[in-house]
Amino acid sequence: MTDCNDTLRELQTFLDREMSETARSVIHSHLEGCPDCLEAFDFHAELRVVIAAKCRNDEMPESLLAKIKQCFGEDPEVEVSTH
């Protein structure tokens, strides 16, 4: 059984579905029995929805795109779609 600290630490990974089904099941079980963690989950899930809705039609600033490419070791001069 996972505790609150583990659950909160893995919340983003859980929301991104970037963990094994076993790990997801453990966190899901914890969320079902822990109102505080479930509240944190609900907040983060809703925040993602709001951010996605607000950013859906916004074009990514070229400076941000260049910084992201730099972090991944890509040539910032290469054209990438921002939509």
PDB file of N, CA and C in Angstrom:
ATOM      1  N   MET A   1       0.847  -1.187   0.000  1.00  0.00           N
ATOM      2  CA  MET A   1       0.000   0.000   0.000  1.00  0.00           C
ATOM      3  C   MET A   1       0.884   1.238   0.000  1.00  0.00           C
ATOM      4  N   THR A   2       0.520   2.192  -0.798  1.00  0.00           N
ATOM      5  CA  THR A   2       1.273   3.434  -0.901  1.00  0.00           C
ATOM      6  C   THR A   2       0.785   4.427   0.155  1.00  0.00           C
ATOM      7  N   ASP A   3       1.651   5.352   0.532  1.00  0.00           N
ATOM      8  CA  ASP A   3       1.222   6.368   1.488  1.00  0.00           C
ATOM      9  C   ASP A   3       0.973   7.690   0.746  1.00  0.00           C
ATOM     10  N   CYS A   4       0.539   8.694   1.487  1.00  0.00           N
ATOM     11  CA  CYS A   4       0.190   9.982   0.882  1.00  0.00           C
ATOM     12  C   CYS A   4       1.388  10.627   0.190  1.00  0.00           C
ATOM     13  N   ASN A   5       2.547  10.577   0.813  1.00  0.00           N
ATOM     14  CA  ASN A   5       3.732  11.190   0.209  1.00  0.00           C
ATOM     15  C   ASN A   5       4.063  10.536  -1.127  1.00  0.00           C
ATOM     16  N   ASP A   6       4.023   9.199  -1.184  1.00  0.00           N
ATOM     17  CA  ASP A   6       4.283   8.491  -2.437  1.00  0.00           C
ATOM     18  C   ASP A   6       3.247   8.866  -3.488  1.00  0.00           C
ATOM     19  N   THR A   7       1.995   8.890  -3.080  1.00  0.00           N
ATOM     20  CA  THR A   7       0.909   9.205  -4.015  1.00  0.00           C
ATOM     21  C   THR A   7       1.074  10.600  -4.583  1.00  0.00           C
ATOM     22  N   LEU A   8       1.311  11.574  -3.730  1.00  0.00           N
ATOM     23  CA  LEU A   8       1.448  12.956  -4.194  1.00  0.00           C
ATOM     24  C   LEU A   8       2.693  13.136  -5.062  1.00  0.00           C
ATOM     25  N   ARG A   9       3.752  12.422  -4.730  1.00  0.00           N
ATOM     26  CA  ARG A   9       4.992  12.516  -5.512  1.00  0.00           C
ATOM     27  C   ARG A   9       4.784  11.949  -6.925  1.00  0.00           C
ATOM     28  N   GLU A  10       3.953  10.927  -7.049  1.00  0.00           N
ATOM     29  CA  GLU A  10       3.728  10.262  -8.337  1.00  0.00           C
ATOM     30  C   GLU A  10       2.480  10.755  -9.072  1.00  0.00           C
ATOM     31  N   LEU A  11       1.828  11.784  -8.554  1.00  0.00           N
ATOM     32  CA  LEU A  11       0.557  12.231  -9.111  1.00  0.00           C
ATOM     33  C   LEU A  11       0.664  12.647 -10.580  1.00  0.00           C
ATOM     34  N   GLN A  12       1.687  13.388 -10.941  1.00  0.00           N
ATOM     35  CA  GLN A  12       1.841  13.824 -12.329  1.00  0.00           C
ATOM     36  C   GLN A  12       2.089  12.636 -13.255  1.00  0.00           C
ATOM     37  N   THR A  13       2.893  11.700 -12.803  1.00  0.00           N
ATOM     38  CA  THR A  13       3.153  10.497 -13.592  1.00  0.00           C
ATOM     39  C   THR A  13       1.873   9.695 -13.758  1.00  0.00           C
ATOM     40  N   PHE A  14       1.073   9.636 -12.713  1.00  0.00           N
ATOM     41  CA  PHE A  14      -0.219   8.956 -12.765  1.00  0.00           C
ATOM     42  C   PHE A  14      -1.133   9.639 -13.776  1.00  0.00           C
ATOM     43  N   LEU A  15      -1.220  10.965 -13.711  1.00  0.00           N
ATOM     44  CA  LEU A  15      -2.068  11.714 -14.628  1.00  0.00           C
ATOM     45  C   LEU A  15      -1.585  11.597 -16.078  1.00  0.00           C
ATOM     46  N   ASP A  16      -0.291  11.471 -16.266  1.00  0.00           N
ATOM     47  CA  ASP A  16       0.284  11.328 -17.608  1.00  0.00           C
ATOM     48  C   ASP A  16       0.182   9.890 -18.126  1.00  0.00           C
ATOM     49  N   ARG A  17      -0.267   8.984 -17.277  1.00  0.00           N
ATOM     50  CA  ARG A  17      -0.349   7.554 -17.616  1.00  0.00           C
ATOM     51  C   ARG A  17       1.012   7.010 -18.034  1.00  0.00           C
ATOM     52  N   GLU A  18       2.040   7.421 -17.311  1.00  0.00           N
ATOM     53  CA  GLU A  18       3.405   7.007 -17.613  1.00  0.00           C
ATOM     54  C   GLU A  18       3.947   6.056 -16.551  1.00  0.00           C
ATOM     55  N   MET A  19       3.084   5.183 -16.061  1.00  0.00           N
ATOM     56  CA  MET A  19       3.523   4.194 -15.084  1.00  0.00           C
ATOM     57  C   MET A  19       2.852   2.870 -15.402  1.00  0.00           C
ATOM     58  N   SER A  20       3.362   1.850 -14.801  1.00  0.00           N
ATOM     59  CA  SER A  20       2.814   0.517 -15.048  1.00  0.00           C
ATOM     60  C   SER A  20       1.381   0.429 -14.531  1.00  0.00           C
ATOM     61  N   GLU A  21       0.650  -0.524 -15.060  1.00  0.00           N
ATOM     62  CA  GLU A  21      -0.728  -0.725 -14.607  1.00  0.00           C
ATOM     63  C   GLU A  21      -0.757  -1.109 -13.125  1.00  0.00           C
ATOM     64  N   THR A  22       0.231  -1.836 -12.674  1.00  0.00           N
ATOM     65  CA  THR A  22       0.303  -2.214 -11.260  1.00  0.00           C
ATOM     66  C   THR A  22       0.451  -0.978 -10.387  1.00  0.00           C
ATOM     67  N   ALA A  23       1.365  -0.085 -10.763  1.00  0.00           N
ATOM     68  CA  ALA A  23       1.573   1.149  -9.995  1.00  0.00           C
ATOM     69  C   ALA A  23       0.324   2.027 -10.053  1.00  0.00           C
ATOM     70  N   ARG A  24      -0.305   2.103 -11.234  1.00  0.00           N
ATOM     71  CA  ARG A  24      -1.543   2.889 -11.360  1.00  0.00           C
ATOM     72  C   ARG A  24      -2.628   2.331 -10.449  1.00  0.00           C
ATOM     73  N   SER A  25      -2.705   1.030 -10.372  1.00  0.00           N
ATOM     74  CA  SER A  25      -3.711   0.380  -9.534  1.00  0.00           C
ATOM     75  C   SER A  25      -3.483   0.693  -8.058  1.00  0.00           C
ATOM     76  N   VAL A  26      -2.243   0.685  -7.646  1.00  0.00           N
ATOM     77  CA  VAL A  26      -1.909   0.984  -6.244  1.00  0.00           C
ATOM     78  C   VAL A  26      -2.298   2.430  -5.912  1.00  0.00           C
ATOM     79  N   ILE A  27      -1.959   3.347  -6.790  1.00  0.00           N
ATOM     80  CA  ILE A  27      -2.291   4.753  -6.539  1.00  0.00           C
ATOM     81  C   ILE A  27      -3.800   4.960  -6.607  1.00  0.00           C
ATOM     82  N   HIS A  28      -4.444   4.325  -7.564  1.00  0.00           N
ATOM     83  CA  HIS A  28      -5.899   4.431  -7.675  1.00  0.00           C
ATOM     84  C   HIS A  28      -6.575   3.948  -6.391  1.00  0.00           C
ATOM     85  N   SER A  29      -6.101   2.841  -5.856  1.00  0.00           N
ATOM     86  CA  SER A  29      -6.659   2.321  -4.602  1.00  0.00           C
ATOM     87  C   SER A  29      -6.456   3.310  -3.459  1.00  0.00           C
ATOM     88  N   HIS A  30      -5.280   3.918  -3.417  1.00  0.00           N
ATOM     89  CA  HIS A  30      -5.014   4.896  -2.362  1.00  0.00           C
ATOM     90  C   HIS A  30      -5.957   6.090  -2.503  1.00  0.00           C
ATOM     91  N   LEU A  31      -6.136   6.568  -3.734  1.00  0.00           N
ATOM     92  CA  LEU A  31      -7.019   7.718  -3.963  1.00  0.00           C
ATOM     93  C   LEU A  31      -8.455   7.418  -3.535  1.00  0.00           C
ATOM     94  N   GLU A  32      -8.898   6.192  -3.746  1.00  0.00           N
ATOM     95  CA  GLU A  32     -10.259   5.818  -3.352  1.00  0.00           C
ATOM     96  C   GLU A  32     -10.464   5.889  -1.842  1.00  0.00           C
ATOM     97  N   GLY A  33      -9.396   5.682  -1.076  1.00  0.00           N
ATOM     98  CA  GLY A  33      -9.527   5.651   0.376  1.00  0.00           C
ATOM     99  C   GLY A  33      -8.977   6.862   1.102  1.00  0.00           C
ATOM    100  N   CYS A  34      -8.493   7.845   0.361  1.00  0.00           N
ATOM    101  CA  CYS A  34      -7.858   9.005   1.008  1.00  0.00           C
ATOM    102  C   CYS A  34      -8.439  10.293   0.447  1.00  0.00           C
ATOM    103  N   PRO A  35      -9.348  10.923   1.164  1.00  0.00           N
ATOM    104  CA  PRO A  35      -9.976  12.152   0.668  1.00  0.00           C
ATOM    105  C   PRO A  35      -8.983  13.286   0.396  1.00  0.00           C
ATOM    106  N   ASP A  36      -7.928  13.385   1.187  1.00  0.00           N
ATOM    107  CA  ASP A  36      -6.959  14.469   0.982  1.00  0.00           C
ATOM    108  C   ASP A  36      -6.204  14.295  -0.333  1.00  0.00           C
ATOM    109  N   CYS A  37      -5.760  13.080  -0.609  1.00  0.00           N
ATOM    110  CA  CYS A  37      -5.046  12.831  -1.863  1.00  0.00           C
ATOM    111  C   CYS A  37      -6.002  12.929  -3.052  1.00  0.00           C
ATOM    112  N   LEU A  38      -7.232  12.481  -2.870  1.00  0.00           N
ATOM    113  CA  LEU A  38      -8.217  12.588  -3.939  1.00  0.00           C
ATOM    114  C   LEU A  38      -8.491  14.051  -4.265  1.00  0.00           C
ATOM    115  N   GLU A  39      -8.531  14.894  -3.258  1.00  0.00           N
ATOM    116  CA  GLU A  39      -8.720  16.328  -3.478  1.00  0.00           C
ATOM    117  C   GLU A  39      -7.543  16.909  -4.270  1.00  0.00           C
ATOM    118  N   ALA A  40      -6.313  16.495  -3.920  1.00  0.00           N
ATOM    119  CA  ALA A  40      -5.134  16.956  -4.658  1.00  0.00           C
ATOM    120  C   ALA A  40      -5.187  16.460  -6.099  1.00  0.00           C
ATOM    121  N   PHE A  41      -5.589  15.211  -6.282  1.00  0.00           N
ATOM    122  CA  PHE A  41      -5.732  14.649  -7.631  1.00  0.00           C
ATOM    123  C   PHE A  41      -6.747  15.454  -8.438  1.00  0.00           C
ATOM    124  N   ASP A  42      -7.911  15.698  -7.855  1.00  0.00           N
ATOM    125  CA  ASP A  42      -8.956  16.464  -8.544  1.00  0.00           C
ATOM    126  C   ASP A  42      -8.457  17.848  -8.946  1.00  0.00           C
ATOM    127  N   PHE A  43      -7.730  18.498  -8.050  1.00  0.00           N
ATOM    128  CA  PHE A  43      -7.190  19.827  -8.348  1.00  0.00           C
ATOM    129  C   PHE A  43      -6.247  19.775  -9.548  1.00  0.00           C
ATOM    130  N   HIS A  44      -5.298  18.842  -9.517  1.00  0.00           N
ATOM    131  CA  HIS A  44      -4.315  18.750 -10.598  1.00  0.00           C
ATOM    132  C   HIS A  44      -4.961  18.341 -11.918  1.00  0.00           C
ATOM    133  N   ALA A  45      -5.918  17.441 -11.864  1.00  0.00           N
ATOM    134  CA  ALA A  45      -6.619  17.025 -13.081  1.00  0.00           C
ATOM    135  C   ALA A  45      -7.390  18.195 -13.681  1.00  0.00           C
ATOM    136  N   GLU A  46      -8.082  18.951 -12.845  1.00  0.00           N
ATOM    137  CA  GLU A  46      -8.841  20.107 -13.327  1.00  0.00           C
ATOM    138  C   GLU A  46      -7.900  21.198 -13.831  1.00  0.00           C
ATOM    139  N   LEU A  47      -6.788  21.404 -13.169  1.00  0.00           N
ATOM    140  CA  LEU A  47      -5.803  22.396 -13.604  1.00  0.00           C
ATOM    141  C   LEU A  47      -5.296  22.068 -15.006  1.00  0.00           C
ATOM    142  N   ARG A  48      -5.039  20.797 -15.270  1.00  0.00           N
ATOM    143  CA  ARG A  48      -4.600  20.383 -16.602  1.00  0.00           C
ATOM    144  C   ARG A  48      -5.647  20.716 -17.659  1.00  0.00           C
ATOM    145  N   VAL A  49      -6.907  20.484 -17.334  1.00  0.00           N
ATOM    146  CA  VAL A  49      -7.990  20.769 -18.275  1.00  0.00           C
ATOM    147  C   VAL A  49      -8.048  22.262 -18.575  1.00  0.00           C
ATOM    148  N   VAL A  50      -7.949  23.068 -17.531  1.00  0.00           N
ATOM    149  CA  VAL A  50      -8.012  24.530 -17.701  1.00  0.00           C
ATOM    150  C   VAL A  50      -6.825  25.024 -18.518  1.00  0.00           C
ATOM    151  N   ILE A  51      -5.638  24.556 -18.207  1.00  0.00           N
ATOM    152  CA  ILE A  51      -4.442  24.987 -18.944  1.00  0.00           C
ATOM    153  C   ILE A  51      -4.545  24.565 -20.404  1.00  0.00           C
ATOM    154  N   ALA A  52      -4.970  23.344 -20.650  1.00  0.00           N
ATOM    155  CA  ALA A  52      -5.114  22.868 -22.033  1.00  0.00           C
ATOM    156  C   ALA A  52      -6.117  23.724 -22.798  1.00  0.00           C
ATOM    157  N   ALA A  53      -7.221  24.060 -22.152  1.00  0.00           N
ATOM    158  CA  ALA A  53      -8.245  24.878 -22.815  1.00  0.00           C
ATOM    159  C   ALA A  53      -7.725  26.282 -23.100  1.00  0.00           C
ATOM    160  N   LYS A  54      -7.001  26.842 -22.171  1.00  0.00           N
ATOM    161  CA  LYS A  54      -6.481  28.206 -22.347  1.00  0.00           C
ATOM    162  C   LYS A  54      -5.371  28.267 -23.386  1.00  0.00           C
ATOM    163  N   CYS A  55      -4.608  27.194 -23.508  1.00  0.00           N
ATOM    164  CA  CYS A  55      -3.456  27.197 -24.409  1.00  0.00           C
ATOM    165  C   CYS A  55      -3.750  26.586 -25.773  1.00  0.00           C
ATOM    166  N   ARG A  56      -4.917  26.044 -25.935  1.00  0.00           N
ATOM    167  CA  ARG A  56      -5.239  25.318 -27.169  1.00  0.00           C
ATOM    168  C   ARG A  56      -4.986  26.136 -28.427  1.00  0.00           C
ATOM    169  N   ASN A  57      -5.358  27.384 -28.426  1.00  0.00           N
ATOM    170  CA  ASN A  57      -5.236  28.203 -29.628  1.00  0.00           C
ATOM    171  C   ASN A  57      -4.066  29.169 -29.591  1.00  0.00           C
ATOM    172  N   ASP A  58      -3.310  29.135 -28.510  1.00  0.00           N
ATOM    173  CA  ASP A  58      -2.165  30.035 -28.407  1.00  0.00           C
ATOM    174  C   ASP A  58      -0.971  29.444 -29.149  1.00  0.00           C
ATOM    175  N   GLU A  59      -0.272  30.295 -29.863  1.00  0.00           N
ATOM    176  CA  GLU A  59       0.932  29.869 -30.546  1.00  0.00           C
ATOM    177  C   GLU A  59       2.095  29.934 -29.561  1.00  0.00           C
ATOM    178  N   MET A  60       2.974  28.943 -29.628  1.00  0.00           N
ATOM    179  CA  MET A  60       4.114  28.908 -28.729  1.00  0.00           C
ATOM    180  C   MET A  60       5.116  29.988 -29.139  1.00  0.00           C
ATOM    181  N   PRO A  61       5.563  30.804 -28.183  1.00  0.00           N
ATOM    182  CA  PRO A  61       6.570  31.819 -28.506  1.00  0.00           C
ATOM    183  C   PRO A  61       7.846  31.153 -29.029  1.00  0.00           C
ATOM    184  N   GLU A  62       8.438  31.750 -30.050  1.00  0.00           N
ATOM    185  CA  GLU A  62       9.647  31.186 -30.655  1.00  0.00           C
ATOM    186  C   GLU A  62      10.765  31.024 -29.628  1.00  0.00           C
ATOM    187  N   SER A  63      10.875  31.965 -28.690  1.00  0.00           N
ATOM    188  CA  SER A  63      11.940  31.874 -27.693  1.00  0.00           C
ATOM    189  C   SER A  63      11.761  30.648 -26.796  1.00  0.00           C
ATOM    190  N   LEU A  64      10.511  30.325 -26.457  1.00  0.00           N
ATOM    191  CA  LEU A  64      10.243  29.142 -25.646  1.00  0.00           C
ATOM    192  C   LEU A  64      10.548  27.877 -26.439  1.00  0.00           C
ATOM    193  N   LEU A  65      10.147  27.848 -27.691  1.00  0.00           N
ATOM    194  CA  LEU A  65      10.417  26.696 -28.537  1.00  0.00           C
ATOM    195  C   LEU A  65      11.925  26.473 -28.668  1.00  0.00           C
ATOM    196  N   ALA A  66      12.686  27.543 -28.831  1.00  0.00           N
ATOM    197  CA  ALA A  66      14.142  27.434 -28.939  1.00  0.00           C
ATOM    198  C   ALA A  66      14.740  26.873 -27.655  1.00  0.00           C
ATOM    199  N   LYS A  67      14.237  27.301 -26.499  1.00  0.00           N
ATOM    200  CA  LYS A  67      14.741  26.796 -25.219  1.00  0.00           C
ATOM    201  C   LYS A  67      14.422  25.313 -25.058  1.00  0.00           C
ATOM    202  N   ILE A  68      13.239  24.913 -25.470  1.00  0.00           N
ATOM    203  CA  ILE A  68      12.861  23.495 -25.380  1.00  0.00           C
ATOM    204  C   ILE A  68      13.769  22.663 -26.283  1.00  0.00           C
ATOM    205  N   LYS A  69      13.980  23.122 -27.499  1.00  0.00           N
ATOM    206  CA  LYS A  69      14.854  22.400 -28.420  1.00  0.00           C
ATOM    207  C   LYS A  69      16.264  22.298 -27.850  1.00  0.00           C
ATOM    208  N   GLN A  70      16.724  23.370 -27.220  1.00  0.00           N
ATOM    209  CA  GLN A  70      18.063  23.380 -26.637  1.00  0.00           C
ATOM    210  C   GLN A  70      18.170  22.336 -25.522  1.00  0.00           C
ATOM    211  N   CYS A  71      17.121  22.201 -24.723  1.00  0.00           N
ATOM    212  CA  CYS A  71      17.114  21.214 -23.648  1.00  0.00           C
ATOM    213  C   CYS A  71      17.227  19.792 -24.181  1.00  0.00           C
ATOM    214  N   PHE A  72      16.682  19.570 -25.374  1.00  0.00           N
ATOM    215  CA  PHE A  72      16.719  18.240 -25.977  1.00  0.00           C
ATOM    216  C   PHE A  72      17.880  18.082 -26.950  1.00  0.00           C
ATOM    217  N   GLY A  73      18.744  19.094 -27.000  1.00  0.00           N
ATOM    218  CA  GLY A  73      19.918  19.021 -27.839  1.00  0.00           C
ATOM    219  C   GLY A  73      19.616  19.121 -29.316  1.00  0.00           C
ATOM    220  N   GLU A  74      18.493  19.741 -29.661  1.00  0.00           N
ATOM    221  CA  GLU A  74      18.117  19.900 -31.062  1.00  0.00           C
ATOM    222  C   GLU A  74      18.583  21.250 -31.574  1.00  0.00           C
ATOM    223  N   ASP A  75      18.740  21.322 -32.863  1.00  0.00           N
ATOM    224  CA  ASP A  75      19.104  22.566 -33.518  1.00  0.00           C
ATOM    225  C   ASP A  75      17.911  23.510 -33.499  1.00  0.00           C
ATOM    226  N   PRO A  76      18.009  24.665 -32.820  1.00  0.00           N
ATOM    227  CA  PRO A  76      16.869  25.584 -32.739  1.00  0.00           C
ATOM    228  C   PRO A  76      16.463  26.169 -34.083  1.00  0.00           C
ATOM    229  N   GLU A  77      17.276  25.998 -35.117  1.00  0.00           N
ATOM    230  CA  GLU A  77      16.947  26.532 -36.433  1.00  0.00           C
ATOM    231  C   GLU A  77      16.019  25.602 -37.211  1.00  0.00           C
ATOM    232  N   VAL A  78      15.841  24.350 -36.728  1.00  0.00           N
ATOM    233  CA  VAL A  78      14.989  23.399 -37.414  1.00  0.00           C
ATOM    234  C   VAL A  78      13.537  23.782 -37.179  1.00  0.00           C
ATOM    235  N   GLU A  79      12.739  23.812 -38.244  1.00  0.00           N
ATOM    236  CA  GLU A  79      11.327  24.214 -38.164  1.00  0.00           C
ATOM    237  C   GLU A  79      10.490  23.087 -37.564  1.00  0.00           C
ATOM    238  N   VAL A  80       9.728  23.418 -36.517  1.00  0.00           N
ATOM    239  CA  VAL A  80       8.821  22.477 -35.890  1.00  0.00           C
ATOM    240  C   VAL A  80       7.462  23.146 -35.768  1.00  0.00           C
ATOM    241  N   SER A  81       6.420  22.413 -36.068  1.00  0.00           N
ATOM    242  CA  SER A  81       5.068  22.963 -35.947  1.00  0.00           C
ATOM    243  C   SER A  81       4.754  23.238 -34.498  1.00  0.00           C
ATOM    244  N   THR A  82       4.122  24.379 -34.215  1.00  0.00           N
ATOM    245  CA  THR A  82       3.757  24.746 -32.838  1.00  0.00           C
ATOM    246  C   THR A  82       2.278  24.549 -32.573  1.00  0.00           C
ATOM    247  N   HIS A  83       1.576  23.865 -33.461  1.00  0.00           N
ATOM    248  CA  HIS A  83       0.143  23.635 -33.263  1.00  0.00           C
ATOM    249  C   HIS A  83      -0.136  22.215 -32.974  1.00  0.00           C
TER     250      HIS A  83
END
